[in-house]
Structure formats: structure tokens, C-alpha cells
Amino acid sequence: MSQPNNPWYPPNAPQTMTRNEPQNTPTNYPPNYPPNYPSNYPPNYPPSRSRTDSSWYSTRVLRIFLIIFGIMTLVGVPILGYFIGNLIGIHMATNDIQQGYANSGLLYTIYNASHNPVFLQEAQISQAQGIGEAQSDTATLQMLGLMIGLLADVPFVFLFVREYEMMG
């Protein structure tokens, strides 16, 4: 029996179709649907949404929540970084102030023993230097925390925009 569309039979027969093309398939052949596919609408035409549809309302509410929580996150993350930098700076500042006063006490003791006014001036400068270092550390770490928070906001912006567009 002859099989005209089979590329392997007969061995030397002229072939009308290439190997990868479907054979004996009508042009209006329906696609294979998965089992339990809903048959109330065609596969390429999803049901239209109206304003009274509950899915439209829930998407709208989710968009509003995404905007609200997105703004809260974009403002809250840098502020949180600022406060964390402030907390670390305060803990470092106490150490700077303690060291300044300890050094000042040592220099003041040397001044009492020698009555050299240079040691009195260095004792006073040492206290001021400890306080200045403490303020500098705190301000630097506050700004560092704020900058880290702003840098952490960049991926959040991309995530929020992507989710907002996916809801559309």
C-alpha cells in the first residue's frame, strides 16, 4: 500500500512535504484543549470586565494599596536608615566622649603636678575634641544611613512599577 506523505516509504519516492511539517492535517483543525477547559467562551477571547464586576473592584483596591504602601516604603526606608545611623552614632559618641574626658583628666592631673599651663589648655581641648568627634560620628552615620536607605529604594521603585503595570 502506498503512503504518499510518508518521507520514509517508498525509499526513493519523490517527497511532496518536508519532514517537520504536519501530515494529513486539515487547515481548520481545532487546537487541543486541556481537560476540564471551560467551554463557555473561546480560548483567545477572555470574558470582558465591566465596572460592576468584582474582579475590577478588587484590582482597583489592590492598586490603591500598592500606591499607599509604596509611598510609605519609599519614605520609610530612608528614615529607618537615618535612625539606625543615629543609633549607631550615639553608641560611638559615648565612647568618643569618654575617651576625651579620660584623656582630659590625665592631662589635668599632669597640670596639677607640674603647674604648666600648656597641660591645662590641652585638658580643655581634649574634652572639646571628644565632644566634636562624637558629633561628627553621629552626623556622618546619620547621613550614611540615609544614603543607604535611598539606595535601597531603587529596587523597590522597579518592583512597585512592575506590579502596578501587571495589574493594568
Protein backbone atom coordinates (compact mmCIF):
# COMPACT_ATOMS: atom_id res chain seq x y z
CA MET A 1 0.00 0.00 0.00
CA SER A 2 1.36 3.38 -0.92
CA GLN A 3 1.84 6.13 1.63
CA PRO A 4 2.48 9.34 -0.37
CA ASN A 5 3.13 11.66 2.60
CA ASN A 6 5.45 9.34 4.48
CA PRO A 7 9.04 10.50 3.87
CA TRP A 8 10.42 7.02 4.63
CA TYR A 9 8.22 4.95 2.28
CA PRO A 10 8.90 4.07 -0.55
CA PRO A 11 12.63 4.68 -0.22
CA ASN A 12 13.25 6.60 -3.46
CA ALA A 13 9.84 8.21 -3.99
CA PRO A 14 9.70 11.99 -4.56
CA GLN A 15 8.62 13.71 -1.40
CA THR A 16 5.99 16.42 -1.53
CA MET A 17 6.41 17.61 2.08
CA THR A 18 9.39 18.21 4.32
CA ARG A 19 9.96 16.09 7.38
CA ASN A 20 8.91 18.66 10.01
CA GLU A 21 5.57 19.64 8.50
CA PRO A 22 2.37 18.06 9.82
CA GLN A 23 0.97 15.42 7.53
CA ASN A 24 -2.66 14.90 6.53
CA THR A 25 -3.84 17.72 8.77
CA PRO A 26 -6.81 19.79 7.58
CA THR A 27 -6.40 23.57 7.71
CA ASN A 28 -9.31 24.13 10.10
CA TYR A 29 -8.24 21.51 12.62
CA PRO A 30 -9.24 22.65 16.16
CA PRO A 31 -6.46 23.05 18.75
CA ASN A 32 -6.03 20.53 21.53
CA TYR A 33 -7.68 21.88 24.68
CA PRO A 34 -6.57 20.74 28.11
CA PRO A 35 -9.02 18.60 30.04
CA ASN A 36 -11.69 20.44 32.02
CA TYR A 37 -11.27 23.51 29.82
CA PRO A 38 -14.26 25.84 30.24
CA SER A 39 -16.32 25.66 27.09
CA ASN A 40 -18.43 28.76 27.66
CA TYR A 41 -16.04 31.07 25.76
CA PRO A 42 -13.41 30.67 23.04
CA PRO A 43 -9.79 30.29 24.22
CA ASN A 44 -8.48 33.58 22.78
CA TYR A 45 -11.36 35.75 23.97
CA PRO A 46 -11.49 36.09 27.77
CA PRO A 47 -14.67 37.50 29.24
CA SER A 48 -14.85 41.28 29.23
CA ARG A 49 -14.77 43.13 32.52
CA SER A 50 -17.33 45.67 33.49
CA ARG A 51 -17.40 48.21 36.28
CA THR A 52 -19.81 46.07 38.26
CA ASP A 53 -17.54 43.03 38.04
CA SER A 54 -15.95 42.14 41.38
CA SER A 55 -12.54 41.44 39.83
CA TRP A 56 -12.35 45.04 38.56
CA TYR A 57 -13.09 46.38 42.04
CA SER A 58 -10.52 44.17 43.75
CA THR A 59 -7.85 45.15 41.21
CA ARG A 60 -8.65 48.80 41.84
CA VAL A 61 -8.36 48.34 45.61
CA LEU A 62 -5.07 46.48 45.20
CA ARG A 63 -3.73 49.30 43.06
CA ILE A 64 -4.68 51.84 45.72
CA PHE A 65 -2.99 49.75 48.43
CA LEU A 66 0.08 49.33 46.24
CA ILE A 67 0.34 53.10 45.83
CA ILE A 68 -0.18 53.77 49.55
CA PHE A 69 2.25 51.13 50.80
CA GLY A 70 4.71 52.00 48.03
CA ILE A 71 4.85 55.63 49.16
CA MET A 72 5.14 54.51 52.79
CA THR A 73 8.04 52.23 51.86
CA LEU A 74 9.81 54.81 49.73
CA VAL A 75 9.65 57.33 52.57
CA GLY A 76 10.07 54.90 55.46
CA VAL A 77 13.20 53.04 54.31
CA PRO A 78 15.46 56.15 54.19
CA ILE A 79 14.06 57.40 57.50
CA LEU A 80 14.72 53.98 59.03
CA GLY A 81 18.29 54.12 57.70
CA TYR A 82 18.69 57.59 59.23
CA PHE A 83 17.51 56.39 62.64
CA ILE A 84 19.71 53.28 62.52
CA GLY A 85 22.70 55.51 61.66
CA ASN A 86 21.72 57.79 64.54
CA LEU A 87 21.56 54.85 66.94
CA ILE A 88 24.98 53.56 65.92
CA GLY A 89 26.39 57.11 66.01
CA ILE A 90 25.14 57.69 69.56
CA HIS A 91 26.77 54.47 70.74
CA MET A 92 30.04 55.52 69.10
CA ALA A 93 29.69 59.04 70.52
CA THR A 94 29.59 57.83 74.09
CA ASN A 95 32.92 56.11 73.55
CA ASP A 96 34.43 59.25 71.98
CA ILE A 97 33.24 61.45 74.84
CA GLN A 98 34.51 59.01 77.47
CA GLN A 99 37.92 58.89 75.83
CA GLY A 100 38.03 62.68 75.55
CA TYR A 101 37.21 63.14 79.24
CA ALA A 102 39.63 60.38 80.28
CA ASN A 103 42.45 61.99 78.31
CA SER A 104 41.45 65.38 79.72
CA GLY A 105 41.58 64.02 83.28
CA LEU A 106 45.06 62.63 82.71
CA LEU A 107 46.28 65.96 81.29
CA TYR A 108 44.65 67.88 84.17
CA THR A 109 46.43 65.62 86.67
CA ILE A 110 49.73 66.36 84.94
CA TYR A 111 48.90 70.10 85.07
CA ASN A 112 48.28 69.88 88.85
CA ALA A 113 51.63 68.17 89.32
CA SER A 114 53.66 70.49 87.09
CA HIS A 115 51.61 73.74 87.04
CA ASN A 116 52.42 74.04 83.35
CA PRO A 117 49.55 75.98 81.68
CA VAL A 118 50.03 74.06 78.41
CA PHE A 119 48.66 70.91 80.07
CA LEU A 120 45.61 72.85 81.31
CA GLN A 121 44.89 74.05 77.76
CA GLU A 122 45.38 70.55 76.36
CA ALA A 123 42.99 69.15 79.00
CA GLN A 124 40.30 71.62 77.96
CA ILE A 125 40.95 70.98 74.27
CA SER A 126 40.78 67.22 74.83
CA GLN A 127 37.25 67.49 76.26
CA ALA A 128 36.12 69.62 73.32
CA GLN A 129 37.80 67.24 70.86
CA GLY A 130 35.91 64.25 72.32
CA ILE A 131 32.59 66.10 72.02
CA GLY A 132 33.42 67.22 68.46
CA GLU A 133 34.33 63.71 67.39
CA ALA A 134 31.10 62.40 68.89
CA GLN A 135 29.02 64.94 66.97
CA SER A 136 30.93 64.23 63.77
CA ASP A 137 30.47 60.46 64.11
CA THR A 138 26.77 60.82 64.74
CA ALA A 139 26.19 63.16 61.79
CA THR A 140 28.28 61.01 59.44
CA LEU A 141 26.45 57.81 60.35
CA GLN A 142 23.06 59.53 60.08
CA MET A 143 23.83 60.63 56.53
CA LEU A 144 25.32 57.24 55.67
CA GLY A 145 22.14 55.51 56.88
CA LEU A 146 20.01 57.94 54.88
CA MET A 147 22.04 57.32 51.71
CA ILE A 148 21.84 53.54 52.16
CA GLY A 149 18.08 53.88 52.60
CA LEU A 150 17.80 55.91 49.41
CA LEU A 151 19.88 53.34 47.52
CA ALA A 152 17.67 50.57 48.90
CA ASP A 153 14.65 52.41 47.47
CA VAL A 154 15.82 51.96 43.87
CA PRO A 155 14.86 48.25 43.62
CA PHE A 156 11.60 48.96 45.42
CA VAL A 157 10.67 51.53 42.77
CA PHE A 158 11.22 48.99 39.99
CA LEU A 159 9.19 46.36 41.89
CA PHE A 160 6.29 48.73 42.53
CA VAL A 161 6.18 49.97 38.94
CA ARG A 162 6.29 46.41 37.58
CA GLU A 163 3.50 45.24 39.87
CA TYR A 164 1.40 48.30 39.05
CA GLU A 165 1.79 47.67 35.32
CA MET A 166 0.95 43.97 35.74
CA MET A 167 -2.33 44.92 37.45
CA GLY A 168 -3.32 47.08 34.49
